[in-house]
Amino acid sequence: DRLRYYAPLTEAFLARADVKAFVKAWAG
């Protein structure tokens, strides 16, 4: 019952091809 603020995943991590592939496959 509270808002929790966290630092984001790093740009370098999100730019990785295997991260993008994982997220796309998971969404699929």
mmCIF file of all heavy atoms, coordinates in Angstrom:
data_MODEL
# 
_entry.id   MODEL 
# 
loop_
_atom_site.group_PDB 
_atom_site.id 
_atom_site.type_symbol 
_atom_site.label_atom_id 
_atom_site.label_alt_id 
_atom_site.label_comp_id 
_atom_site.label_asym_id 
_atom_site.label_entity_id 
_atom_site.label_seq_id 
_atom_site.pdbx_PDB_ins_code 
_atom_site.Cartn_x 
_atom_site.Cartn_y 
_atom_site.Cartn_z 
_atom_site.occupancy 
_atom_site.B_iso_or_equiv 
_atom_site.pdbx_formal_charge 
_atom_site.auth_seq_id 
_atom_site.auth_comp_id 
_atom_site.auth_asym_id 
_atom_site.auth_atom_id 
_atom_site.pdbx_PDB_model_num 
ATOM 1   N N   . ASP A 1 1  ? 0.808  -1.220  0.000   1.00 0.00 ? 1  ASP A N   1 
ATOM 2   C CA  . ASP A 1 1  ? 0.000  0.000   0.000   1.00 0.00 ? 1  ASP A CA  1 
ATOM 3   C C   . ASP A 1 1  ? 0.843  1.273   0.000   1.00 0.00 ? 1  ASP A C   1 
ATOM 4   O O   . ASP A 1 1  ? 0.489  2.282   0.618   1.00 0.00 ? 1  ASP A O   1 
ATOM 5   C CB  . ASP A 1 1  ? -0.953 0.012   1.205   1.00 0.00 ? 1  ASP A CB  1 
ATOM 6   C CG  . ASP A 1 1  ? -1.975 -1.110  1.134   1.00 0.00 ? 1  ASP A CG  1 
ATOM 7   O OD1 . ASP A 1 1  ? -2.543 -1.330  0.049   1.00 0.00 ? 1  ASP A OD1 1 
ATOM 8   O OD2 . ASP A 1 1  ? -2.206 -1.772  2.163   1.00 0.00 ? 1  ASP A OD2 1 
ATOM 9   N N   . ARG A 1 2  ? 1.953  1.221   -0.719  1.00 0.00 ? 2  ARG A N   1 
ATOM 10  C CA  . ARG A 1 2  ? 2.778  2.418   -0.844  1.00 0.00 ? 2  ARG A CA  1 
ATOM 11  C C   . ARG A 1 2  ? 3.436  2.416   -2.208  1.00 0.00 ? 2  ARG A C   1 
ATOM 12  O O   . ARG A 1 2  ? 3.611  1.369   -2.838  1.00 0.00 ? 2  ARG A O   1 
ATOM 13  C CB  . ARG A 1 2  ? 3.826  2.478   0.265   1.00 0.00 ? 2  ARG A CB  1 
ATOM 14  C CG  . ARG A 1 2  ? 4.828  1.331   0.229   1.00 0.00 ? 2  ARG A CG  1 
ATOM 15  C CD  . ARG A 1 2  ? 5.718  1.308   1.468   1.00 0.00 ? 2  ARG A CD  1 
ATOM 16  N NE  . ARG A 1 2  ? 6.498  2.533   1.591   1.00 0.00 ? 2  ARG A NE  1 
ATOM 17  C CZ  . ARG A 1 2  ? 7.338  2.756   2.598   1.00 0.00 ? 2  ARG A CZ  1 
ATOM 18  N NH1 . ARG A 1 2  ? 7.489  1.853   3.558   1.00 0.00 ? 2  ARG A NH1 1 
ATOM 19  N NH2 . ARG A 1 2  ? 8.027  3.873   2.651   1.00 0.00 ? 2  ARG A NH2 1 
ATOM 20  N N   . LEU A 1 3  ? 3.804  3.597   -2.671  1.00 0.00 ? 3  LEU A N   1 
ATOM 21  C CA  . LEU A 1 3  ? 4.535  3.711   -3.934  1.00 0.00 ? 3  LEU A CA  1 
ATOM 22  C C   . LEU A 1 3  ? 6.013  3.457   -3.652  1.00 0.00 ? 3  LEU A C   1 
ATOM 23  O O   . LEU A 1 3  ? 6.578  4.004   -2.702  1.00 0.00 ? 3  LEU A O   1 
ATOM 24  C CB  . LEU A 1 3  ? 4.346  5.094   -4.543  1.00 0.00 ? 3  LEU A CB  1 
ATOM 25  C CG  . LEU A 1 3  ? 2.907  5.480   -4.884  1.00 0.00 ? 3  LEU A CG  1 
ATOM 26  C CD1 . LEU A 1 3  ? 2.867  6.873   -5.513  1.00 0.00 ? 3  LEU A CD1 1 
ATOM 27  C CD2 . LEU A 1 3  ? 2.271  4.463   -5.814  1.00 0.00 ? 3  LEU A CD2 1 
ATOM 28  N N   . ARG A 1 4  ? 6.627  2.629   -4.495  1.00 0.00 ? 4  ARG A N   1 
ATOM 29  C CA  . ARG A 1 4  ? 8.041  2.315   -4.322  1.00 0.00 ? 4  ARG A CA  1 
ATOM 30  C C   . ARG A 1 4  ? 8.801  2.712   -5.586  1.00 0.00 ? 4  ARG A C   1 
ATOM 31  O O   . ARG A 1 4  ? 8.452  2.297   -6.694  1.00 0.00 ? 4  ARG A O   1 
ATOM 32  C CB  . ARG A 1 4  ? 8.226  0.828   -4.026  1.00 0.00 ? 4  ARG A CB  1 
ATOM 33  C CG  . ARG A 1 4  ? 7.734  0.438   -2.645  1.00 0.00 ? 4  ARG A CG  1 
ATOM 34  C CD  . ARG A 1 4  ? 8.028  -1.015  -2.359  1.00 0.00 ? 4  ARG A CD  1 
ATOM 35  N NE  . ARG A 1 4  ? 7.053  -1.911  -2.968  1.00 0.00 ? 4  ARG A NE  1 
ATOM 36  C CZ  . ARG A 1 4  ? 7.299  -3.165  -3.318  1.00 0.00 ? 4  ARG A CZ  1 
ATOM 37  N NH1 . ARG A 1 4  ? 8.506  -3.670  -3.186  1.00 0.00 ? 4  ARG A NH1 1 
ATOM 38  N NH2 . ARG A 1 4  ? 6.353  -3.911  -3.823  1.00 0.00 ? 4  ARG A NH2 1 
ATOM 39  N N   . TYR A 1 5  ? 9.826  3.504   -5.399  1.00 0.00 ? 5  TYR A N   1 
ATOM 40  C CA  . TYR A 1 5  ? 10.618 4.032   -6.510  1.00 0.00 ? 5  TYR A CA  1 
ATOM 41  C C   . TYR A 1 5  ? 11.991 3.372   -6.522  1.00 0.00 ? 5  TYR A C   1 
ATOM 42  O O   . TYR A 1 5  ? 12.669 3.305   -5.501  1.00 0.00 ? 5  TYR A O   1 
ATOM 43  C CB  . TYR A 1 5  ? 10.782 5.548   -6.360  1.00 0.00 ? 5  TYR A CB  1 
ATOM 44  C CG  . TYR A 1 5  ? 9.478  6.310   -6.400  1.00 0.00 ? 5  TYR A CG  1 
ATOM 45  C CD1 . TYR A 1 5  ? 8.697  6.455   -5.256  1.00 0.00 ? 5  TYR A CD1 1 
ATOM 46  C CD2 . TYR A 1 5  ? 9.015  6.879   -7.588  1.00 0.00 ? 5  TYR A CD2 1 
ATOM 47  C CE1 . TYR A 1 5  ? 7.500  7.146   -5.296  1.00 0.00 ? 5  TYR A CE1 1 
ATOM 48  C CE2 . TYR A 1 5  ? 7.819  7.578   -7.633  1.00 0.00 ? 5  TYR A CE2 1 
ATOM 49  C CZ  . TYR A 1 5  ? 7.065  7.706   -6.479  1.00 0.00 ? 5  TYR A CZ  1 
ATOM 50  O OH  . TYR A 1 5  ? 5.869  8.394   -6.512  1.00 0.00 ? 5  TYR A OH  1 
ATOM 51  N N   . TYR A 1 6  ? 12.387 2.892   -7.705  1.00 0.00 ? 6  TYR A N   1 
ATOM 52  C CA  . TYR A 1 6  ? 13.666 2.208   -7.845  1.00 0.00 ? 6  TYR A CA  1 
ATOM 53  C C   . TYR A 1 6  ? 14.434 2.761   -9.039  1.00 0.00 ? 6  TYR A C   1 
ATOM 54  O O   . TYR A 1 6  ? 13.833 3.274   -10.011 1.00 0.00 ? 6  TYR A O   1 
ATOM 55  C CB  . TYR A 1 6  ? 13.452 0.707   -8.050  1.00 0.00 ? 6  TYR A CB  1 
ATOM 56  C CG  . TYR A 1 6  ? 12.810 0.010   -6.882  1.00 0.00 ? 6  TYR A CG  1 
ATOM 57  C CD1 . TYR A 1 6  ? 11.446 -0.261  -6.869  1.00 0.00 ? 6  TYR A CD1 1 
ATOM 58  C CD2 . TYR A 1 6  ? 13.561 -0.378  -5.773  1.00 0.00 ? 6  TYR A CD2 1 
ATOM 59  C CE1 . TYR A 1 6  ? 10.845 -0.901  -5.794  1.00 0.00 ? 6  TYR A CE1 1 
ATOM 60  C CE2 . TYR A 1 6  ? 12.982 -1.023  -4.696  1.00 0.00 ? 6  TYR A CE2 1 
ATOM 61  C CZ  . TYR A 1 6  ? 11.616 -1.281  -4.706  1.00 0.00 ? 6  TYR A CZ  1 
ATOM 62  O OH  . TYR A 1 6  ? 11.030 -1.901  -3.639  1.00 0.00 ? 6  TYR A OH  1 
ATOM 63  N N   . ALA A 1 7  ? 15.733 2.617   -9.001  1.00 0.00 ? 7  ALA A N   1 
ATOM 64  C CA  . ALA A 1 7  ? 16.559 2.968   -10.157 1.00 0.00 ? 7  ALA A CA  1 
ATOM 65  C C   . ALA A 1 7  ? 16.217 2.041   -11.319 1.00 0.00 ? 7  ALA A C   1 
ATOM 66  O O   . ALA A 1 7  ? 15.903 0.867   -11.122 1.00 0.00 ? 7  ALA A O   1 
ATOM 67  C CB  . ALA A 1 7  ? 18.037 2.844   -9.795  1.00 0.00 ? 7  ALA A CB  1 
ATOM 68  N N   . PRO A 1 8  ? 16.265 2.558   -12.553 1.00 0.00 ? 8  PRO A N   1 
ATOM 69  C CA  . PRO A 1 8  ? 15.922 1.722   -13.710 1.00 0.00 ? 8  PRO A CA  1 
ATOM 70  C C   . PRO A 1 8  ? 17.023 0.751   -14.070 1.00 0.00 ? 8  PRO A C   1 
ATOM 71  O O   . PRO A 1 8  ? 18.185 0.906   -13.667 1.00 0.00 ? 8  PRO A O   1 
ATOM 72  C CB  . PRO A 1 8  ? 15.732 2.759   -14.824 1.00 0.00 ? 8  PRO A CB  1 
ATOM 73  C CG  . PRO A 1 8  ? 16.655 3.879   -14.445 1.00 0.00 ? 8  PRO A CG  1 
ATOM 74  C CD  . PRO A 1 8  ? 16.612 3.941   -12.932 1.00 0.00 ? 8  PRO A CD  1 
ATOM 75  N N   . LEU A 1 9  ? 16.659 -0.269  -14.833 1.00 0.00 ? 9  LEU A N   1 
ATOM 76  C CA  . LEU A 1 9  ? 17.665 -1.115  -15.455 1.00 0.00 ? 9  LEU A CA  1 
ATOM 77  C C   . LEU A 1 9  ? 18.551 -0.242  -16.334 1.00 0.00 ? 9  LEU A C   1 
ATOM 78  O O   . LEU A 1 9  ? 18.080 0.726   -16.943 1.00 0.00 ? 9  LEU A O   1 
ATOM 79  C CB  . LEU A 1 9  ? 16.997 -2.206  -16.291 1.00 0.00 ? 9  LEU A CB  1 
ATOM 80  C CG  . LEU A 1 9  ? 16.075 -3.159  -15.520 1.00 0.00 ? 9  LEU A CG  1 
ATOM 81  C CD1 . LEU A 1 9  ? 15.327 -4.063  -16.487 1.00 0.00 ? 9  LEU A CD1 1 
ATOM 82  C CD2 . LEU A 1 9  ? 16.865 -3.985  -14.515 1.00 0.00 ? 9  LEU A CD2 1 
ATOM 83  N N   . THR A 1 10 ? 19.819 -0.570  -16.428 1.00 0.00 ? 10 THR A N   1 
ATOM 84  C CA  . THR A 1 10 ? 20.750 0.302   -17.143 1.00 0.00 ? 10 THR A CA  1 
ATOM 85  C C   . THR A 1 10 ? 20.479 0.285   -18.652 1.00 0.00 ? 10 THR A C   1 
ATOM 86  O O   . THR A 1 10 ? 19.975 -0.706  -19.197 1.00 0.00 ? 10 THR A O   1 
ATOM 87  C CB  . THR A 1 10 ? 22.203 -0.113  -16.890 1.00 0.00 ? 10 THR A CB  1 
ATOM 88  O OG1 . THR A 1 10 ? 22.424 -1.403  -17.463 1.00 0.00 ? 10 THR A OG1 1 
ATOM 89  C CG2 . THR A 1 10 ? 22.511 -0.154  -15.394 1.00 0.00 ? 10 THR A CG2 1 
ATOM 90  N N   . GLU A 1 11 ? 20.823 1.366   -19.292 1.00 0.00 ? 11 GLU A N   1 
ATOM 91  C CA  . GLU A 1 11 ? 20.665 1.455   -20.750 1.00 0.00 ? 11 GLU A CA  1 
ATOM 92  C C   . GLU A 1 11 ? 21.480 0.369   -21.441 1.00 0.00 ? 11 GLU A C   1 
ATOM 93  O O   . GLU A 1 11 ? 21.027 -0.212  -22.434 1.00 0.00 ? 11 GLU A O   1 
ATOM 94  C CB  . GLU A 1 11 ? 21.092 2.840   -21.246 1.00 0.00 ? 11 GLU A CB  1 
ATOM 95  C CG  . GLU A 1 11 ? 20.164 3.972   -20.813 1.00 0.00 ? 11 GLU A CG  1 
ATOM 96  C CD  . GLU A 1 11 ? 20.585 5.307   -21.397 1.00 0.00 ? 11 GLU A CD  1 
ATOM 97  O OE1 . GLU A 1 11 ? 21.527 5.312   -22.238 1.00 0.00 ? 11 GLU A OE1 1 
ATOM 98  O OE2 . GLU A 1 11 ? 20.005 6.329   -21.030 1.00 0.00 ? 11 GLU A OE2 1 
ATOM 99  N N   . ALA A 1 12 ? 22.663 0.096   -20.919 1.00 0.00 ? 12 ALA A N   1 
ATOM 100 C CA  . ALA A 1 12 ? 23.518 -0.928  -21.539 1.00 0.00 ? 12 ALA A CA  1 
ATOM 101 C C   . ALA A 1 12 ? 22.856 -2.299  -21.465 1.00 0.00 ? 12 ALA A C   1 
ATOM 102 O O   . ALA A 1 12 ? 22.913 -3.082  -22.423 1.00 0.00 ? 12 ALA A O   1 
ATOM 103 C CB  . ALA A 1 12 ? 24.882 -0.952  -20.859 1.00 0.00 ? 12 ALA A CB  1 
ATOM 104 N N   . PHE A 1 13 ? 22.236 -2.602  -20.334 1.00 0.00 ? 13 PHE A N   1 
ATOM 105 C CA  . PHE A 1 13 ? 21.567 -3.893  -20.196 1.00 0.00 ? 13 PHE A CA  1 
ATOM 106 C C   . PHE A 1 13 ? 20.374 -3.978  -21.144 1.00 0.00 ? 13 PHE A C   1 
ATOM 107 O O   . PHE A 1 13 ? 20.205 -4.977  -21.860 1.00 0.00 ? 13 PHE A O   1 
ATOM 108 C CB  . PHE A 1 13 ? 21.124 -4.096  -18.751 1.00 0.00 ? 13 PHE A CB  1 
ATOM 109 C CG  . PHE A 1 13 ? 20.420 -5.404  -18.510 1.00 0.00 ? 13 PHE A CG  1 
ATOM 110 C CD1 . PHE A 1 13 ? 21.131 -6.592  -18.454 1.00 0.00 ? 13 PHE A CD1 1 
ATOM 111 C CD2 . PHE A 1 13 ? 19.038 -5.447  -18.338 1.00 0.00 ? 13 PHE A CD2 1 
ATOM 112 C CE1 . PHE A 1 13 ? 20.486 -7.808  -18.233 1.00 0.00 ? 13 PHE A CE1 1 
ATOM 113 C CE2 . PHE A 1 13 ? 18.380 -6.645  -18.114 1.00 0.00 ? 13 PHE A CE2 1 
ATOM 114 C CZ  . PHE A 1 13 ? 19.107 -7.828  -18.065 1.00 0.00 ? 13 PHE A CZ  1 
ATOM 115 N N   . LEU A 1 14 ? 19.543 -2.959  -21.178 1.00 0.00 ? 14 LEU A N   1 
ATOM 116 C CA  . LEU A 1 14 ? 18.346 -2.996  -22.027 1.00 0.00 ? 14 LEU A CA  1 
ATOM 117 C C   . LEU A 1 14 ? 18.692 -2.977  -23.513 1.00 0.00 ? 14 LEU A C   1 
ATOM 118 O O   . LEU A 1 14 ? 17.879 -3.397  -24.341 1.00 0.00 ? 14 LEU A O   1 
ATOM 119 C CB  . LEU A 1 14 ? 17.433 -1.814  -21.694 1.00 0.00 ? 14 LEU A CB  1 
ATOM 120 C CG  . LEU A 1 14 ? 16.756 -1.866  -20.320 1.00 0.00 ? 14 LEU A CG  1 
ATOM 121 C CD1 . LEU A 1 14 ? 15.908 -0.611  -20.112 1.00 0.00 ? 14 LEU A CD1 1 
ATOM 122 C CD2 . LEU A 1 14 ? 15.893 -3.115  -20.187 1.00 0.00 ? 14 LEU A CD2 1 
ATOM 123 N N   . ALA A 1 15 ? 19.884 -2.513  -23.848 1.00 0.00 ? 15 ALA A N   1 
ATOM 124 C CA  . ALA A 1 15 ? 20.296 -2.475  -25.249 1.00 0.00 ? 15 ALA A CA  1 
ATOM 125 C C   . ALA A 1 15 ? 20.806 -3.822  -25.748 1.00 0.00 ? 15 ALA A C   1 
ATOM 126 O O   . ALA A 1 15 ? 20.972 -4.015  -26.965 1.00 0.00 ? 15 ALA A O   1 
ATOM 127 C CB  . ALA A 1 15 ? 21.378 -1.415  -25.450 1.00 0.00 ? 15 ALA A CB  1 
ATOM 128 N N   . ARG A 1 16 ? 21.038 -4.763  -24.850 1.00 0.00 ? 16 ARG A N   1 
ATOM 129 C CA  . ARG A 1 16 ? 21.561 -6.062  -25.249 1.00 0.00 ? 16 ARG A CA  1 
ATOM 130 C C   . ARG A 1 16 ? 20.553 -6.803  -26.142 1.00 0.00 ? 16 ARG A C   1 
ATOM 131 O O   . ARG A 1 16 ? 19.344 -6.832  -25.859 1.00 0.00 ? 16 ARG A O   1 
ATOM 132 C CB  . ARG A 1 16 ? 21.870 -6.911  -24.023 1.00 0.00 ? 16 ARG A CB  1 
ATOM 133 C CG  . ARG A 1 16 ? 23.027 -6.414  -23.173 1.00 0.00 ? 16 ARG A CG  1 
ATOM 134 C CD  . ARG A 1 16 ? 23.360 -7.438  -22.072 1.00 0.00 ? 16 ARG A CD  1 
ATOM 135 N NE  . ARG A 1 16 ? 23.595 -8.752  -22.639 1.00 0.00 ? 16 ARG A NE  1 
ATOM 136 C CZ  . ARG A 1 16 ? 24.758 -9.168  -23.134 1.00 0.00 ? 16 ARG A CZ  1 
ATOM 137 N NH1 . ARG A 1 16 ? 25.803 -8.355  -23.135 1.00 0.00 ? 16 ARG A NH1 1 
ATOM 138 N NH2 . ARG A 1 16 ? 24.883 -10.384 -23.634 1.00 0.00 ? 16 ARG A NH2 1 
ATOM 139 N N   . ALA A 1 17 ? 21.059 -7.445  -27.177 1.00 0.00 ? 17 ALA A N   1 
ATOM 140 C CA  . ALA A 1 17 ? 20.188 -8.188  -28.092 1.00 0.00 ? 17 ALA A CA  1 
ATOM 141 C C   . ALA A 1 17 ? 19.489 -9.337  -27.386 1.00 0.00 ? 17 ALA A C   1 
ATOM 142 O O   . ALA A 1 17 ? 18.319 -9.631  -27.663 1.00 0.00 ? 17 ALA A O   1 
ATOM 143 C CB  . ALA A 1 17 ? 21.000 -8.701  -29.283 1.00 0.00 ? 17 ALA A CB  1 
ATOM 144 N N   . ASP A 1 18 ? 20.201 -10.009 -26.448 1.00 0.00 ? 18 ASP A N   1 
ATOM 145 C CA  . ASP A 1 18 ? 19.563 -11.146 -25.787 1.00 0.00 ? 18 ASP A CA  1 
ATOM 146 C C   . ASP A 1 18 ? 18.509 -10.710 -24.769 1.00 0.00 ? 18 ASP A C   1 
ATOM 147 O O   . ASP A 1 18 ? 17.566 -11.456 -24.484 1.00 0.00 ? 18 ASP A O   1 
ATOM 148 C CB  . ASP A 1 18 ? 20.595 -12.077 -25.151 1.00 0.00 ? 18 ASP A CB  1 
ATOM 149 C CG  . ASP A 1 18 ? 21.522 -11.408 -24.159 1.00 0.00 ? 18 ASP A CG  1 
ATOM 150 O OD1 . ASP A 1 18 ? 21.459 -10.172 -23.997 1.00 0.00 ? 18 ASP A OD1 1 
ATOM 151 O OD2 . ASP A 1 18 ? 22.332 -12.126 -23.527 1.00 0.00 ? 18 ASP A OD2 1 
ATOM 152 N N   . VAL A 1 19 ? 18.638 -9.496  -24.236 1.00 0.00 ? 19 VAL A N   1 
ATOM 153 C CA  . VAL A 1 19 ? 17.600 -8.958  -23.355 1.00 0.00 ? 19 VAL A CA  1 
ATOM 154 C C   . VAL A 1 19 ? 16.352 -8.640  -24.170 1.00 0.00 ? 19 VAL A C   1 
ATOM 155 O O   . VAL A 1 19 ? 15.226 -8.994  -23.785 1.00 0.00 ? 19 VAL A O   1 
ATOM 156 C CB  . VAL A 1 19 ? 18.103 -7.713  -22.603 1.00 0.00 ? 19 VAL A CB  1 
ATOM 157 C CG1 . VAL A 1 19 ? 16.969 -7.044  -21.830 1.00 0.00 ? 19 VAL A CG1 1 
ATOM 158 C CG2 . VAL A 1 19 ? 19.241 -8.082  -21.662 1.00 0.00 ? 19 VAL A CG2 1 
ATOM 159 N N   . LYS A 1 20 ? 16.534 -7.977  -25.306 1.00 0.00 ? 20 LYS A N   1 
ATOM 160 C CA  . LYS A 1 20 ? 15.390 -7.661  -26.164 1.00 0.00 ? 20 LYS A CA  1 
ATOM 161 C C   . LYS A 1 20 ? 14.704 -8.938  -26.649 1.00 0.00 ? 20 LYS A C   1 
ATOM 162 O O   . LYS A 1 20 ? 13.468 -9.018  -26.682 1.00 0.00 ? 20 LYS A O   1 
ATOM 163 C CB  . LYS A 1 20 ? 15.852 -6.825  -27.359 1.00 0.00 ? 20 LYS A CB  1 
ATOM 164 C CG  . LYS A 1 20 ? 16.344 -5.434  -26.979 1.00 0.00 ? 20 LYS A CG  1 
ATOM 165 C CD  . LYS A 1 20 ? 16.797 -4.668  -28.213 1.00 0.00 ? 20 LYS A CD  1 
ATOM 166 C CE  . LYS A 1 20 ? 17.287 -3.283  -27.859 1.00 0.00 ? 20 LYS A CE  1 
ATOM 167 N NZ  . LYS A 1 20 ? 17.744 -2.532  -29.060 1.00 0.00 ? 20 LYS A NZ  1 
ATOM 168 N N   . ALA A 1 21 ? 15.495 -9.942  -27.008 1.00 0.00 ? 21 ALA A N   1 
ATOM 169 C CA  . ALA A 1 21 ? 14.915 -11.203 -27.489 1.00 0.00 ? 21 ALA A CA  1 
ATOM 170 C C   . ALA A 1 21 ? 14.131 -11.891 -26.378 1.00 0.00 ? 21 ALA A C   1 
ATOM 171 O O   . ALA A 1 21 ? 13.052 -12.456 -26.620 1.00 0.00 ? 21 ALA A O   1 
ATOM 172 C CB  . ALA A 1 21 ? 16.016 -12.121 -28.018 1.00 0.00 ? 21 ALA A CB  1 
ATOM 173 N N   . PHE A 1 22 ? 14.656 -11.858 -25.163 1.00 0.00 ? 22 PHE A N   1 
ATOM 174 C CA  . PHE A 1 22 ? 13.964 -12.475 -24.027 1.00 0.00 ? 22 PHE A CA  1 
ATOM 175 C C   . PHE A 1 22 ? 12.622 -11.789 -23.784 1.00 0.00 ? 22 PHE A C   1 
ATOM 176 O O   . PHE A 1 22 ? 11.593 -12.455 -23.611 1.00 0.00 ? 22 PHE A O   1 
ATOM 177 C CB  . PHE A 1 22 ? 14.848 -12.394 -22.785 1.00 0.00 ? 22 PHE A CB  1 
ATOM 178 C CG  . PHE A 1 22 ? 14.200 -12.897 -21.524 1.00 0.00 ? 22 PHE A CG  1 
ATOM 179 C CD1 . PHE A 1 22 ? 14.189 -14.254 -21.218 1.00 0.00 ? 22 PHE A CD1 1 
ATOM 180 C CD2 . PHE A 1 22 ? 13.599 -12.015 -20.634 1.00 0.00 ? 22 PHE A CD2 1 
ATOM 181 C CE1 . PHE A 1 22 ? 13.583 -14.721 -20.053 1.00 0.00 ? 22 PHE A CE1 1 
ATOM 182 C CE2 . PHE A 1 22 ? 12.990 -12.467 -19.469 1.00 0.00 ? 22 PHE A CE2 1 
ATOM 183 C CZ  . PHE A 1 22 ? 12.985 -13.824 -19.186 1.00 0.00 ? 22 PHE A CZ  1 
ATOM 184 N N   . VAL A 1 23 ? 12.625 -10.462 -23.744 1.00 0.00 ? 23 VAL A N   1 
ATOM 185 C CA  . VAL A 1 23 ? 11.391 -9.726  -23.482 1.00 0.00 ? 23 VAL A CA  1 
ATOM 186 C C   . VAL A 1 23 ? 10.372 -9.959  -24.592 1.00 0.00 ? 23 VAL A C   1 
ATOM 187 O O   . VAL A 1 23 ? 9.180  -10.171 -24.330 1.00 0.00 ? 23 VAL A O   1 
ATOM 188 C CB  . VAL A 1 23 ? 11.686 -8.221  -23.312 1.00 0.00 ? 23 VAL A CB  1 
ATOM 189 C CG1 . VAL A 1 23 ? 10.387 -7.413  -23.210 1.00 0.00 ? 23 VAL A CG1 1 
ATOM 190 C CG2 . VAL A 1 23 ? 12.549 -7.981  -22.075 1.00 0.00 ? 23 VAL A CG2 1 
ATOM 191 N N   . LYS A 1 24 ? 10.824 -9.944  -25.840 1.00 0.00 ? 24 LYS A N   1 
ATOM 192 C CA  . LYS A 1 24 ? 9.905  -10.176 -26.961 1.00 0.00 ? 24 LYS A CA  1 
ATOM 193 C C   . LYS A 1 24 ? 9.332  -11.583 -26.923 1.00 0.00 ? 24 LYS A C   1 
ATOM 194 O O   . LYS A 1 24 ? 8.130  -11.786 -27.145 1.00 0.00 ? 24 LYS A O   1 
ATOM 195 C CB  . LYS A 1 24 ? 10.628 -9.922  -28.284 1.00 0.00 ? 24 LYS A CB  1 
ATOM 196 C CG  . LYS A 1 24 ? 10.928 -8.450  -28.549 1.00 0.00 ? 24 LYS A CG  1 
ATOM 197 C CD  . LYS A 1 24 ? 11.866 -8.261  -29.727 1.00 0.00 ? 24 LYS A CD  1 
ATOM 198 C CE  . LYS A 1 24 ? 11.288 -8.762  -31.018 1.00 0.00 ? 24 LYS A CE  1 
ATOM 199 N NZ  . LYS A 1 24 ? 12.182 -8.490  -32.164 1.00 0.00 ? 24 LYS A NZ  1 
ATOM 200 N N   . ALA A 1 25 ? 10.176 -12.580 -26.631 1.00 0.00 ? 25 ALA A N   1 
ATOM 201 C CA  . ALA A 1 25 ? 9.686  -13.957 -26.559 1.00 0.00 ? 25 ALA A CA  1 
ATOM 202 C C   . ALA A 1 25 ? 8.738  -14.133 -25.383 1.00 0.00 ? 25 ALA A C   1 
ATOM 203 O O   . ALA A 1 25 ? 7.741  -14.856 -25.476 1.00 0.00 ? 25 ALA A O   1 
ATOM 204 C CB  . ALA A 1 25 ? 10.863 -14.927 -26.454 1.00 0.00 ? 25 ALA A CB  1 
ATOM 205 N N   . TRP A 1 26 ? 9.036  -13.472 -24.269 1.00 0.00 ? 26 TRP A N   1 
ATOM 206 C CA  . TRP A 1 26 ? 8.166  -13.563 -23.104 1.00 0.00 ? 26 TRP A CA  1 
ATOM 207 C C   . TRP A 1 26 ? 6.802  -12.923 -23.408 1.00 0.00 ? 26 TRP A C   1 
ATOM 208 O O   . TRP A 1 26 ? 5.760  -13.503 -23.083 1.00 0.00 ? 26 TRP A O   1 
ATOM 209 C CB  . TRP A 1 26 ? 8.820  -12.882 -21.904 1.00 0.00 ? 26 TRP A CB  1 
ATOM 210 C CG  . TRP A 1 26 ? 8.032  -13.050 -20.638 1.00 0.00 ? 26 TRP A CG  1 
ATOM 211 C CD1 . TRP A 1 26 ? 8.100  -14.103 -19.771 1.00 0.00 ? 26 TRP A CD1 1 
ATOM 212 C CD2 . TRP A 1 26 ? 7.052  -12.163 -20.117 1.00 0.00 ? 26 TRP A CD2 1 
ATOM 213 N NE1 . TRP A 1 26 ? 7.209  -13.917 -18.729 1.00 0.00 ? 26 TRP A NE1 1 
ATOM 214 C CE2 . TRP A 1 26 ? 6.556  -12.738 -18.918 1.00 0.00 ? 26 TRP A CE2 1 
ATOM 215 C CE3 . TRP A 1 26 ? 6.542  -10.932 -20.536 1.00 0.00 ? 26 TRP A CE3 1 
ATOM 216 C CZ2 . TRP A 1 26 ? 5.574  -12.118 -18.142 1.00 0.00 ? 26 TRP A CZ2 1 
ATOM 217 C CZ3 . TRP A 1 26 ? 5.560  -10.316 -19.768 1.00 0.00 ? 26 TRP A CZ3 1 
ATOM 218 C CH2 . TRP A 1 26 ? 5.083  -10.919 -18.582 1.00 0.00 ? 26 TRP A CH2 1 
ATOM 219 N N   . ALA A 1 27 ? 6.819  -11.758 -24.028 1.00 0.00 ? 27 ALA A N   1 
ATOM 220 C CA  . ALA A 1 27 ? 5.556  -11.106 -24.393 1.00 0.00 ? 27 ALA A CA  1 
ATOM 221 C C   . ALA A 1 27 ? 4.767  -11.959 -25.375 1.00 0.00 ? 27 ALA A C   1 
ATOM 222 O O   . ALA A 1 27 ? 3.536  -12.054 -25.296 1.00 0.00 ? 27 ALA A O   1 
ATOM 223 C CB  . ALA A 1 27 ? 5.839  -9.726  -24.995 1.00 0.00 ? 27 ALA A CB  1 
ATOM 224 N N   . GLY A 1 28 ? 5.469  -12.612 -26.294 1.00 0.00 ? 28 GLY A N   1 
ATOM 225 C CA  . GLY A 1 28 ? 4.795  -13.490 -27.240 1.00 0.00 ? 28 GLY A CA  1 
ATOM 226 C C   . GLY A 1 28 ? 4.176  -14.699 -26.575 1.00 0.00 ? 28 GLY A C   1 
ATOM 227 O O   . GLY A 1 28 ? 3.085  -15.144 -26.942 1.00 0.00 ? 28 GLY A O   1 
# 
